[in-house]
């Protein structure tokens, strides 16, 4: 009688294990998807931030170089004093146009990073349990 009872409780326990592992499988898949998405958002943010920083520094470098060229041109007498302000205004205007396009470029980069398809997880071989 004790063996019949222990067998019944053993069957109930194994049924509960099967049910919980199935529901845990669904939960673990959802948690995995959430973690993958969060990681993708963080990486897209990081690459977008670096793209913004690189774009800004390159634009600032071009601006400084152009201003330097204009000032040297004036110092060497190649540019008339009246033309200097107009040339500096043109250089500054070009720089501001470049800088104001950076945010939209960065947003486009961020969106394209998130739009990239994710690779499905590779099925891993199941390990056999030692009995």
Protein backbone atom coordinates (compact mmCIF):
# COMPACT_ATOMS: atom_id res chain seq x y z
CA UNK A 1 0.00 0.00 0.00
CA UNK A 2 2.86 2.35 0.71
CA UNK A 3 4.32 1.56 -2.70
CA UNK A 4 1.06 2.38 -4.50
CA UNK A 5 0.82 5.63 -2.62
CA UNK A 6 4.43 6.64 -3.30
CA UNK A 7 3.97 5.75 -6.98
CA UNK A 8 0.89 7.99 -7.18
CA UNK A 9 2.64 10.94 -5.54
CA UNK A 10 5.63 10.30 -7.80
CA UNK A 11 3.37 10.47 -10.88
CA UNK A 12 1.77 13.69 -9.62
CA UNK A 13 5.19 15.21 -8.98
CA UNK A 14 6.45 14.28 -12.44
CA UNK A 15 3.31 15.80 -14.00
CA UNK A 16 3.90 18.99 -12.05
CA UNK A 17 7.54 19.08 -13.21
CA UNK A 18 6.45 18.72 -16.84
CA UNK A 19 3.88 21.51 -16.45
CA UNK A 20 6.29 23.85 -14.69
CA UNK A 21 9.09 23.21 -17.18
CA UNK A 22 6.73 23.99 -20.06
CA UNK A 23 5.58 27.24 -18.46
CA UNK A 24 9.18 28.05 -17.46
CA UNK A 25 10.19 27.47 -21.08
CA UNK A 26 7.68 30.10 -22.20
CA UNK A 27 8.81 32.47 -19.47
CA UNK A 28 12.47 31.91 -20.21
CA UNK A 29 11.85 32.59 -23.93
CA UNK A 30 10.06 35.83 -23.06
CA UNK A 31 12.82 36.85 -20.66
CA UNK A 32 15.43 35.99 -23.29
CA UNK A 33 13.62 38.10 -25.91
CA UNK A 34 13.39 40.99 -23.47
CA UNK A 35 17.10 40.79 -22.66
CA UNK A 36 18.03 40.57 -26.34
CA UNK A 37 15.88 43.61 -27.13
CA UNK A 38 17.32 45.60 -24.23
CA UNK A 39 20.84 44.71 -25.35
CA UNK A 40 20.08 45.75 -28.92
CA UNK A 41 18.70 49.10 -27.71
CA UNK A 42 21.80 49.69 -25.59
CA UNK A 43 24.16 48.83 -28.44
CA UNK A 44 22.20 51.00 -30.89
CA UNK A 45 22.38 53.85 -28.38
CA UNK A 46 26.12 53.40 -27.92
CA UNK A 47 26.88 53.29 -31.64
CA UNK A 48 24.59 56.27 -32.26
CA UNK A 49 26.31 58.26 -29.54
CA UNK A 50 29.72 57.47 -30.99
CA UNK A 51 28.45 58.41 -34.46
CA UNK A 52 27.26 61.76 -33.09
CA UNK A 53 30.55 62.42 -31.29
CA UNK A 54 32.65 61.51 -34.34
CA UNK A 55 30.46 63.62 -36.62
CA UNK A 56 30.66 66.59 -34.28
CA UNK A 57 34.44 66.40 -33.92
CA UNK A 58 34.96 66.04 -37.67
CA UNK A 59 32.70 69.03 -38.30
CA UNK A 60 34.50 71.07 -35.64
CA UNK A 61 37.83 70.12 -37.19
CA UNK A 62 36.69 71.20 -40.67
CA UNK A 63 35.36 74.46 -39.23
CA UNK A 64 38.57 75.26 -37.36
CA UNK A 65 40.63 74.44 -40.44
CA UNK A 66 38.46 76.64 -42.68
CA UNK A 67 38.60 79.57 -40.23
CA UNK A 68 42.36 79.15 -39.97
CA UNK A 69 42.69 79.13 -43.77
CA UNK A 70 40.62 82.31 -44.08
CA UNK A 71 42.59 84.12 -41.38
CA UNK A 72 45.92 83.05 -42.91
CA UNK A 73 44.66 84.14 -46.30
CA UNK A 74 43.92 87.59 -44.87
CA UNK A 75 47.27 87.70 -43.01
CA UNK A 76 49.14 86.97 -46.25
CA UNK A 77 47.21 89.70 -48.05
CA UNK A 78 45.37 87.28 -50.37
CA UNK A 79 41.96 88.43 -49.08
CA UNK A 80 40.75 91.99 -48.85
CA UNK A 81 39.78 93.21 -45.37
CA UNK A 82 36.16 93.71 -46.53
CA UNK A 83 35.88 90.11 -47.73
CA UNK A 84 37.06 88.48 -44.51
CA UNK A 85 33.77 88.80 -42.60
CA UNK A 86 31.75 87.48 -45.52
CA UNK A 87 34.05 84.48 -45.91
CA UNK A 88 33.97 83.74 -42.18
CA UNK A 89 30.18 83.99 -42.25
CA UNK A 90 30.06 81.48 -45.13
CA UNK A 91 32.34 79.08 -43.28
CA UNK A 92 30.26 79.43 -40.11
CA UNK A 93 27.02 78.88 -42.01
CA UNK A 94 28.38 75.67 -43.57
CA UNK A 95 29.49 74.46 -40.15
CA UNK A 96 26.09 75.14 -38.60
CA UNK A 97 24.33 73.26 -41.42
CA UNK A 98 26.58 70.26 -40.80
CA UNK A 99 26.02 70.34 -37.06
CA UNK A 100 22.24 70.66 -37.35
CA UNK A 101 22.00 67.56 -39.56
CA UNK A 102 23.82 65.43 -36.99
CA UNK A 103 20.78 64.66 -34.77
CA UNK A 104 18.67 63.40 -37.67
CA UNK A 105 21.59 61.32 -38.96
CA UNK A 106 22.04 59.81 -35.52
CA UNK A 107 18.32 59.00 -35.19
CA UNK A 108 18.39 57.34 -38.61
CA UNK A 109 21.41 55.31 -37.55
CA UNK A 110 19.68 54.28 -34.31
CA UNK A 111 16.54 53.19 -36.15
CA UNK A 112 18.49 51.25 -38.76
CA UNK A 113 20.42 49.43 -36.02
CA UNK A 114 17.17 48.38 -34.36
CA UNK A 115 15.64 47.36 -37.70
CA UNK A 116 18.40 44.84 -38.39
CA UNK A 117 17.04 41.31 -38.14
CA UNK A 118 18.17 39.22 -35.22
CA UNK A 119 19.53 35.78 -35.80
CA UNK A 120 17.42 33.00 -34.31
CA UNK A 121 19.13 31.20 -31.47
CA UNK A 122 21.08 28.10 -32.47
CA UNK A 123 19.48 24.95 -31.07
CA UNK A 124 21.82 23.47 -28.55
CA UNK A 125 22.11 19.70 -28.24
CA UNK A 126 20.37 18.35 -25.21
CA UNK A 127 22.53 16.81 -22.56
CA UNK A 128 21.70 13.36 -21.39
CA UNK A 129 21.18 12.94 -17.72
CA UNK A 130 23.01 10.23 -15.94
CA UNK A 131 20.55 7.93 -14.22
